[in-house]
Amino acid sequence: MQSSLIGKIEKAKRYAGEKDRLHFVSFKTRFHGENDDHVIEYTGDGWRCSCSFFASWGRCSHTMAMEKILGDMLPPEARITKFDETP
């Protein structure tokens, strides 16, 4: 293996452990819920989810789970749920 590729692999391993380097601008994913699959998106306009609860409330268990999973990798405006304040 070329030494330059070895250096890139080592750098990638280091980067993977430094999650504060990563901040999502937008993404789209499929979330497998208990009853159905849902499409979740995050863009500069905020969160979107295809579930019916989100349509009424502007947040849902799927988007809140993504906030928890991604944590500090999200920009501050995307972290709208205060998990430490819930019972």
N, C-alpha and C. Protein backbone atom coordinates (compact mmCIF):
# COMPACT_ATOMS: atom_id res chain seq x y z
N MET A 1 0.85 -1.18 0.00
CA MET A 1 0.00 0.00 0.00
C MET A 1 0.90 1.24 0.00
N GLN A 2 0.52 2.22 -0.76
CA GLN A 2 1.31 3.44 -0.83
C GLN A 2 1.29 4.19 0.50
N SER A 3 2.39 4.80 0.84
CA SER A 3 2.49 5.51 2.12
C SER A 3 1.51 6.68 2.19
N SER A 4 1.22 7.32 1.05
CA SER A 4 0.27 8.44 1.09
C SER A 4 -1.14 7.95 1.44
N LEU A 5 -1.52 6.77 0.95
CA LEU A 5 -2.83 6.21 1.29
C LEU A 5 -2.88 5.80 2.76
N ILE A 6 -1.80 5.26 3.26
CA ILE A 6 -1.73 4.89 4.68
C ILE A 6 -1.93 6.14 5.55
N GLY A 7 -1.30 7.23 5.17
CA GLY A 7 -1.48 8.49 5.90
C GLY A 7 -2.92 8.96 5.88
N LYS A 8 -3.60 8.80 4.74
CA LYS A 8 -5.01 9.21 4.64
C LYS A 8 -5.90 8.33 5.51
N ILE A 9 -5.61 7.04 5.57
CA ILE A 9 -6.39 6.13 6.41
C ILE A 9 -6.22 6.51 7.88
N GLU A 10 -4.99 6.79 8.28
CA GLU A 10 -4.73 7.20 9.67
C GLU A 10 -5.45 8.51 10.00
N LYS A 11 -5.43 9.44 9.06
CA LYS A 11 -6.12 10.72 9.25
C LYS A 11 -7.63 10.51 9.37
N ALA A 12 -8.18 9.62 8.54
CA ALA A 12 -9.62 9.33 8.59
C ALA A 12 -10.01 8.74 9.94
N LYS A 13 -9.19 7.86 10.48
CA LYS A 13 -9.47 7.28 11.80
C LYS A 13 -9.48 8.37 12.87
N ARG A 14 -8.52 9.28 12.79
CA ARG A 14 -8.47 10.39 13.76
C ARG A 14 -9.71 11.28 13.61
N TYR A 15 -10.04 11.63 12.38
CA TYR A 15 -11.22 12.46 12.13
C TYR A 15 -12.50 11.81 12.65
N ALA A 16 -12.62 10.51 12.48
CA ALA A 16 -13.82 9.80 12.93
C ALA A 16 -14.02 9.93 14.43
N GLY A 17 -12.95 10.09 15.17
CA GLY A 17 -13.05 10.26 16.61
C GLY A 17 -13.25 11.71 17.04
N GLU A 18 -13.17 12.63 16.11
CA GLU A 18 -13.32 14.06 16.40
C GLU A 18 -14.63 14.57 15.79
N LYS A 19 -15.73 14.16 16.38
CA LYS A 19 -17.05 14.46 15.80
C LYS A 19 -17.38 15.94 15.79
N ASP A 20 -16.66 16.75 16.56
CA ASP A 20 -16.91 18.18 16.55
C ASP A 20 -16.47 18.83 15.24
N ARG A 21 -15.78 18.09 14.39
CA ARG A 21 -15.40 18.59 13.07
C ARG A 21 -16.58 18.60 12.11
N LEU A 22 -17.61 17.85 12.42
CA LEU A 22 -18.72 17.62 11.50
C LEU A 22 -19.97 18.39 11.95
N HIS A 23 -20.53 19.17 11.04
CA HIS A 23 -21.78 19.89 11.31
C HIS A 23 -22.67 19.76 10.08
N PHE A 24 -23.81 19.14 10.26
CA PHE A 24 -24.72 18.91 9.14
C PHE A 24 -25.33 20.22 8.66
N VAL A 25 -25.38 20.37 7.36
CA VAL A 25 -26.05 21.50 6.72
C VAL A 25 -27.42 21.02 6.23
N SER A 26 -27.45 19.81 5.66
CA SER A 26 -28.70 19.19 5.24
C SER A 26 -28.47 17.69 5.11
N PHE A 27 -29.55 16.93 5.24
CA PHE A 27 -29.50 15.50 4.99
C PHE A 27 -30.93 14.97 4.89
N LYS A 28 -31.04 13.79 4.34
CA LYS A 28 -32.33 13.11 4.20
C LYS A 28 -32.09 11.64 4.49
N THR A 29 -32.95 11.06 5.31
CA THR A 29 -32.78 9.66 5.68
C THR A 29 -34.13 8.98 5.87
N ARG A 30 -34.12 7.69 5.83
CA ARG A 30 -35.33 6.91 6.11
C ARG A 30 -35.21 6.37 7.51
N PHE A 31 -36.23 6.58 8.32
CA PHE A 31 -36.26 6.15 9.71
C PHE A 31 -37.26 5.00 9.82
N HIS A 32 -36.81 3.87 10.31
CA HIS A 32 -37.69 2.71 10.48
C HIS A 32 -38.34 2.79 11.85
N GLY A 33 -39.58 3.27 11.90
CA GLY A 33 -40.31 3.39 13.15
C GLY A 33 -40.99 2.08 13.54
N GLU A 34 -41.74 2.11 14.62
CA GLU A 34 -42.43 0.90 15.07
C GLU A 34 -43.54 0.48 14.13
N ASN A 35 -44.23 1.46 13.51
CA ASN A 35 -45.38 1.15 12.67
C ASN A 35 -45.13 1.32 11.18
N ASP A 36 -44.14 2.09 10.81
CA ASP A 36 -43.93 2.41 9.41
C ASP A 36 -42.55 3.04 9.24
N ASP A 37 -42.13 3.17 8.00
CA ASP A 37 -40.92 3.92 7.69
C ASP A 37 -41.30 5.36 7.43
N HIS A 38 -40.43 6.29 7.81
CA HIS A 38 -40.68 7.72 7.62
C HIS A 38 -39.44 8.35 7.02
N VAL A 39 -39.66 9.36 6.19
CA VAL A 39 -38.55 10.11 5.61
C VAL A 39 -38.34 11.34 6.48
N ILE A 40 -37.10 11.51 6.95
CA ILE A 40 -36.74 12.67 7.76
C ILE A 40 -35.74 13.49 6.96
N GLU A 41 -35.94 14.81 6.98
CA GLU A 41 -35.02 15.71 6.31
C GLU A 41 -34.63 16.83 7.26
N TYR A 42 -33.41 17.27 7.13
CA TYR A 42 -32.98 18.49 7.79
C TYR A 42 -32.36 19.38 6.72
N THR A 43 -32.83 20.61 6.64
CA THR A 43 -32.27 21.61 5.73
C THR A 43 -32.13 22.91 6.52
N GLY A 44 -31.69 23.95 5.85
CA GLY A 44 -31.59 25.26 6.49
C GLY A 44 -32.93 25.76 7.00
N ASP A 45 -34.01 25.21 6.49
CA ASP A 45 -35.36 25.59 6.94
C ASP A 45 -35.80 24.81 8.17
N GLY A 46 -35.03 23.83 8.60
CA GLY A 46 -35.36 23.05 9.79
C GLY A 46 -35.68 21.60 9.46
N TRP A 47 -36.35 20.96 10.40
CA TRP A 47 -36.70 19.54 10.31
C TRP A 47 -37.97 19.33 9.52
N ARG A 48 -38.07 18.16 8.89
CA ARG A 48 -39.29 17.67 8.24
C ARG A 48 -39.35 16.17 8.47
N CYS A 49 -40.55 15.65 8.70
CA CYS A 49 -40.76 14.21 8.81
C CYS A 49 -42.07 13.88 8.12
N SER A 50 -42.13 12.72 7.49
CA SER A 50 -43.32 12.33 6.75
C SER A 50 -44.43 11.77 7.64
N CYS A 51 -44.20 11.64 8.96
CA CYS A 51 -45.25 11.09 9.83
C CYS A 51 -46.36 12.12 10.08
N SER A 52 -47.52 11.64 10.43
CA SER A 52 -48.67 12.53 10.64
C SER A 52 -48.51 13.40 11.89
N PHE A 53 -47.83 12.92 12.91
CA PHE A 53 -47.64 13.70 14.13
C PHE A 53 -46.84 14.97 13.83
N PHE A 54 -45.80 14.83 13.02
CA PHE A 54 -44.97 15.99 12.69
C PHE A 54 -45.79 17.06 11.99
N ALA A 55 -46.71 16.66 11.14
CA ALA A 55 -47.54 17.62 10.40
C ALA A 55 -48.32 18.53 11.34
N SER A 56 -48.71 18.02 12.49
CA SER A 56 -49.48 18.81 13.46
C SER A 56 -48.60 19.56 14.46
N TRP A 57 -47.48 18.98 14.84
CA TRP A 57 -46.69 19.51 15.95
C TRP A 57 -45.35 20.13 15.55
N GLY A 58 -44.88 19.85 14.35
CA GLY A 58 -43.59 20.41 13.92
C GLY A 58 -42.39 19.73 14.53
N ARG A 59 -42.60 18.64 15.20
CA ARG A 59 -41.57 17.76 15.73
C ARG A 59 -42.22 16.42 16.02
N CYS A 60 -41.44 15.40 16.18
CA CYS A 60 -41.98 14.06 16.43
C CYS A 60 -40.87 13.20 17.05
N SER A 61 -41.21 11.99 17.41
CA SER A 61 -40.22 11.10 18.04
C SER A 61 -39.07 10.80 17.07
N HIS A 62 -39.35 10.81 15.78
CA HIS A 62 -38.31 10.50 14.80
C HIS A 62 -37.29 11.63 14.70
N THR A 63 -37.76 12.87 14.63
CA THR A 63 -36.82 14.00 14.56
C THR A 63 -36.09 14.19 15.89
N MET A 64 -36.80 13.97 16.99
CA MET A 64 -36.14 14.09 18.29
C MET A 64 -35.08 13.01 18.47
N ALA A 65 -35.34 11.80 17.97
CA ALA A 65 -34.32 10.74 18.03
C ALA A 65 -33.10 11.12 17.21
N MET A 66 -33.31 11.72 16.05
CA MET A 66 -32.19 12.15 15.22
C MET A 66 -31.38 13.24 15.93
N GLU A 67 -32.06 14.15 16.61
CA GLU A 67 -31.34 15.17 17.40
C GLU A 67 -30.44 14.51 18.43
N LYS A 68 -30.98 13.51 19.11
CA LYS A 68 -30.23 12.82 20.16
C LYS A 68 -29.06 12.05 19.56
N ILE A 69 -29.28 11.36 18.45
CA ILE A 69 -28.24 10.57 17.80
C ILE A 69 -27.10 11.46 17.30
N LEU A 70 -27.45 12.55 16.64
CA LEU A 70 -26.45 13.41 16.00
C LEU A 70 -25.84 14.42 16.95
N GLY A 71 -26.57 14.79 18.00
CA GLY A 71 -26.04 15.66 19.04
C GLY A 71 -25.33 16.89 18.55
N ASP A 72 -24.09 17.07 18.98
CA ASP A 72 -23.31 18.26 18.67
C ASP A 72 -22.89 18.37 17.21
N MET A 73 -23.16 17.34 16.42
CA MET A 73 -22.85 17.43 15.00
C MET A 73 -23.86 18.32 14.27
N LEU A 74 -24.99 18.59 14.94
CA LEU A 74 -26.01 19.47 14.36
C LEU A 74 -25.71 20.92 14.71
N PRO A 75 -26.11 21.84 13.84
CA PRO A 75 -25.97 23.24 14.22
C PRO A 75 -26.91 23.56 15.37
N PRO A 76 -26.62 24.56 16.18
CA PRO A 76 -27.44 24.85 17.36
C PRO A 76 -28.93 25.02 17.05
N GLU A 77 -29.27 25.62 15.93
CA GLU A 77 -30.68 25.83 15.61
C GLU A 77 -31.42 24.53 15.30
N ALA A 78 -30.71 23.44 15.06
CA ALA A 78 -31.34 22.14 14.80
C ALA A 78 -31.56 21.36 16.08
N ARG A 79 -30.94 21.78 17.17
CA ARG A 79 -31.06 21.08 18.45
C ARG A 79 -32.15 21.76 19.27
N ILE A 80 -33.40 21.45 18.96
CA ILE A 80 -34.52 22.15 19.59
C ILE A 80 -35.08 21.42 20.80
N THR A 81 -34.78 20.15 20.96
CA THR A 81 -35.30 19.36 22.08
C THR A 81 -34.30 19.41 23.23
N LYS A 82 -34.80 19.70 24.42
CA LYS A 82 -33.97 19.73 25.63
C LYS A 82 -34.13 18.39 26.34
N PHE A 83 -33.25 17.45 26.03
CA PHE A 83 -33.40 16.09 26.57
C PHE A 83 -33.15 16.05 28.07
N ASP A 84 -32.34 16.94 28.59
CA ASP A 84 -32.05 16.91 30.02
C ASP A 84 -33.21 17.44 30.86
N GLU A 85 -34.22 18.04 30.23
CA GLU A 85 -35.35 18.59 30.97
C GLU A 85 -36.57 17.67 30.93
N THR A 86 -36.50 16.55 30.22
CA THR A 86 -37.65 15.66 30.13
C THR A 86 -37.66 14.70 31.30
N PRO A 87 -38.85 14.28 31.72
CA PRO A 87 -38.92 13.37 32.87
C PRO A 87 -38.33 12.01 32.59
